[in-house]
Amino acid sequence: MNREEILKCAKICVCGDREQDYGSPENNFELIGELWASYLRKKCIAPDADCCILPTDVAAMMGLFKIARIATGHGKADNWVDLAGYAACGGELEGGGDK
């Protein structure tokens, strides 16, 4: 898969049916951040401690998740596609841009 194909596949993923299936990245990443924060408060901090994981943090950490998969040496092309997709969503969220 060349870089154009990777970006084309990532565009299909982030601009296609996934939004219908899972909701917008803004809403989905916000919910994921809330769930992660709740989990981390219980597991690592104190239940009443402040822990704020923003949607942009979710995009970055999901990117790190894909990088970890790639680092195993058993990465697949879809890991690179997903990494590009998370970067695109995070960049949009950070810049407040429209789809």
Protein backbone atom coordinates (compact mmCIF):
# COMPACT_ATOMS: atom_id res chain seq x y z
CA MET A 1 0.00 0.00 0.00
CA ASN A 2 1.50 3.37 -0.95
CA ARG A 3 0.98 6.65 0.93
CA GLU A 4 -1.83 7.80 -1.34
CA GLU A 5 -3.71 4.54 -0.80
CA ILE A 6 -3.20 4.78 2.96
CA LEU A 7 -4.57 8.32 3.05
CA LYS A 8 -7.45 7.38 0.76
CA CYS A 9 -8.38 4.48 3.05
CA ALA A 10 -8.09 6.72 6.11
CA LYS A 11 -10.39 9.26 4.46
CA ILE A 12 -12.94 6.56 3.78
CA CYS A 13 -12.74 5.47 7.42
CA VAL A 14 -13.10 8.90 9.00
CA CYS A 15 -15.44 10.47 6.45
CA GLY A 16 -17.56 7.41 5.67
CA ASP A 17 -20.07 5.19 7.42
CA ARG A 18 -18.24 5.05 10.75
CA GLU A 19 -19.90 8.29 11.82
CA GLN A 20 -23.29 6.68 11.20
CA ASP A 21 -22.22 3.63 13.19
CA TYR A 22 -20.40 5.32 16.08
CA GLY A 23 -21.35 9.01 15.98
CA SER A 24 -19.10 11.95 15.27
CA PRO A 25 -15.46 11.79 16.40
CA GLU A 26 -16.16 14.80 18.63
CA ASN A 27 -18.93 13.00 20.52
CA ASN A 28 -17.32 9.58 20.41
CA PHE A 29 -13.91 10.80 21.60
CA GLU A 30 -15.57 12.90 24.32
CA LEU A 31 -17.35 9.80 25.65
CA ILE A 32 -14.17 7.72 25.45
CA GLY A 33 -12.31 10.46 27.36
CA GLU A 34 -14.96 10.49 30.09
CA LEU A 35 -14.82 6.70 30.42
CA TRP A 36 -11.01 6.67 30.49
CA ALA A 37 -10.95 9.45 33.09
CA SER A 38 -13.40 7.58 35.29
CA TYR A 39 -11.36 4.40 34.96
CA LEU A 40 -8.08 6.17 35.70
CA ARG A 41 -9.51 7.93 38.75
CA LYS A 42 -10.60 4.58 40.18
CA LYS A 43 -7.50 2.67 39.17
CA CYS A 44 -4.63 5.15 39.50
CA ILE A 45 -5.69 8.25 41.34
CA ALA A 46 -8.36 9.06 43.90
CA PRO A 47 -12.04 8.71 42.99
CA ASP A 48 -12.63 12.43 43.59
CA ALA A 49 -9.45 13.68 41.87
CA ASP A 50 -9.57 15.83 38.78
CA CYS A 51 -8.83 13.92 35.60
CA CYS A 52 -9.74 15.49 32.29
CA ILE A 53 -9.10 13.64 29.05
CA LEU A 54 -10.14 15.76 26.10
CA PRO A 55 -11.24 14.42 22.71
CA THR A 56 -7.87 15.54 21.30
CA ASP A 57 -6.15 13.46 23.99
CA VAL A 58 -8.19 10.45 22.90
CA ALA A 59 -7.12 10.94 19.28
CA ALA A 60 -3.46 11.20 20.35
CA MET A 61 -3.63 8.18 22.65
CA MET A 62 -5.41 6.08 20.05
CA GLY A 63 -2.57 7.06 17.70
CA LEU A 64 -0.11 5.84 20.34
CA PHE A 65 -2.08 2.59 20.55
CA LYS A 66 -1.60 2.09 16.80
CA ILE A 67 2.10 2.99 17.11
CA ALA A 68 2.46 0.34 19.81
CA ARG A 69 0.94 -2.23 17.47
CA ILE A 70 3.32 -1.16 14.70
CA ALA A 71 6.26 -1.38 17.12
CA THR A 72 5.64 -5.09 17.71
CA GLY A 73 6.98 -5.75 14.23
CA HIS A 74 3.72 -7.43 13.31
CA GLY A 75 2.00 -4.26 12.17
CA LYS A 76 -0.46 -4.37 9.32
CA ALA A 77 -1.35 -1.76 6.74
CA ASP A 78 -4.61 -1.02 8.55
CA ASN A 79 -2.63 0.14 11.61
CA TRP A 80 -1.09 2.86 9.43
CA VAL A 81 -4.50 3.70 7.96
CA ASP A 82 -6.00 3.99 11.45
CA LEU A 83 -3.04 6.07 12.64
CA ALA A 84 -3.60 8.52 9.76
CA GLY A 85 -7.32 8.59 10.57
CA TYR A 86 -6.76 9.36 14.26
CA ALA A 87 -4.28 12.10 13.29
CA ALA A 88 -6.85 13.61 10.92
CA CYS A 89 -9.60 13.55 13.55
CA GLY A 90 -7.29 14.97 16.21
CA GLY A 91 -6.10 17.73 13.90
CA GLU A 92 -9.67 18.68 13.08
CA LEU A 93 -10.66 18.68 16.74
CA GLU A 94 -7.63 20.77 17.69
CA GLY A 95 -8.28 23.32 14.97
CA GLY A 96 -12.03 23.38 15.45
CA GLY A 97 -12.45 22.81 11.72
CA ASP A 98 -15.51 21.59 9.94
CA LYS A 99 -15.64 18.24 8.19
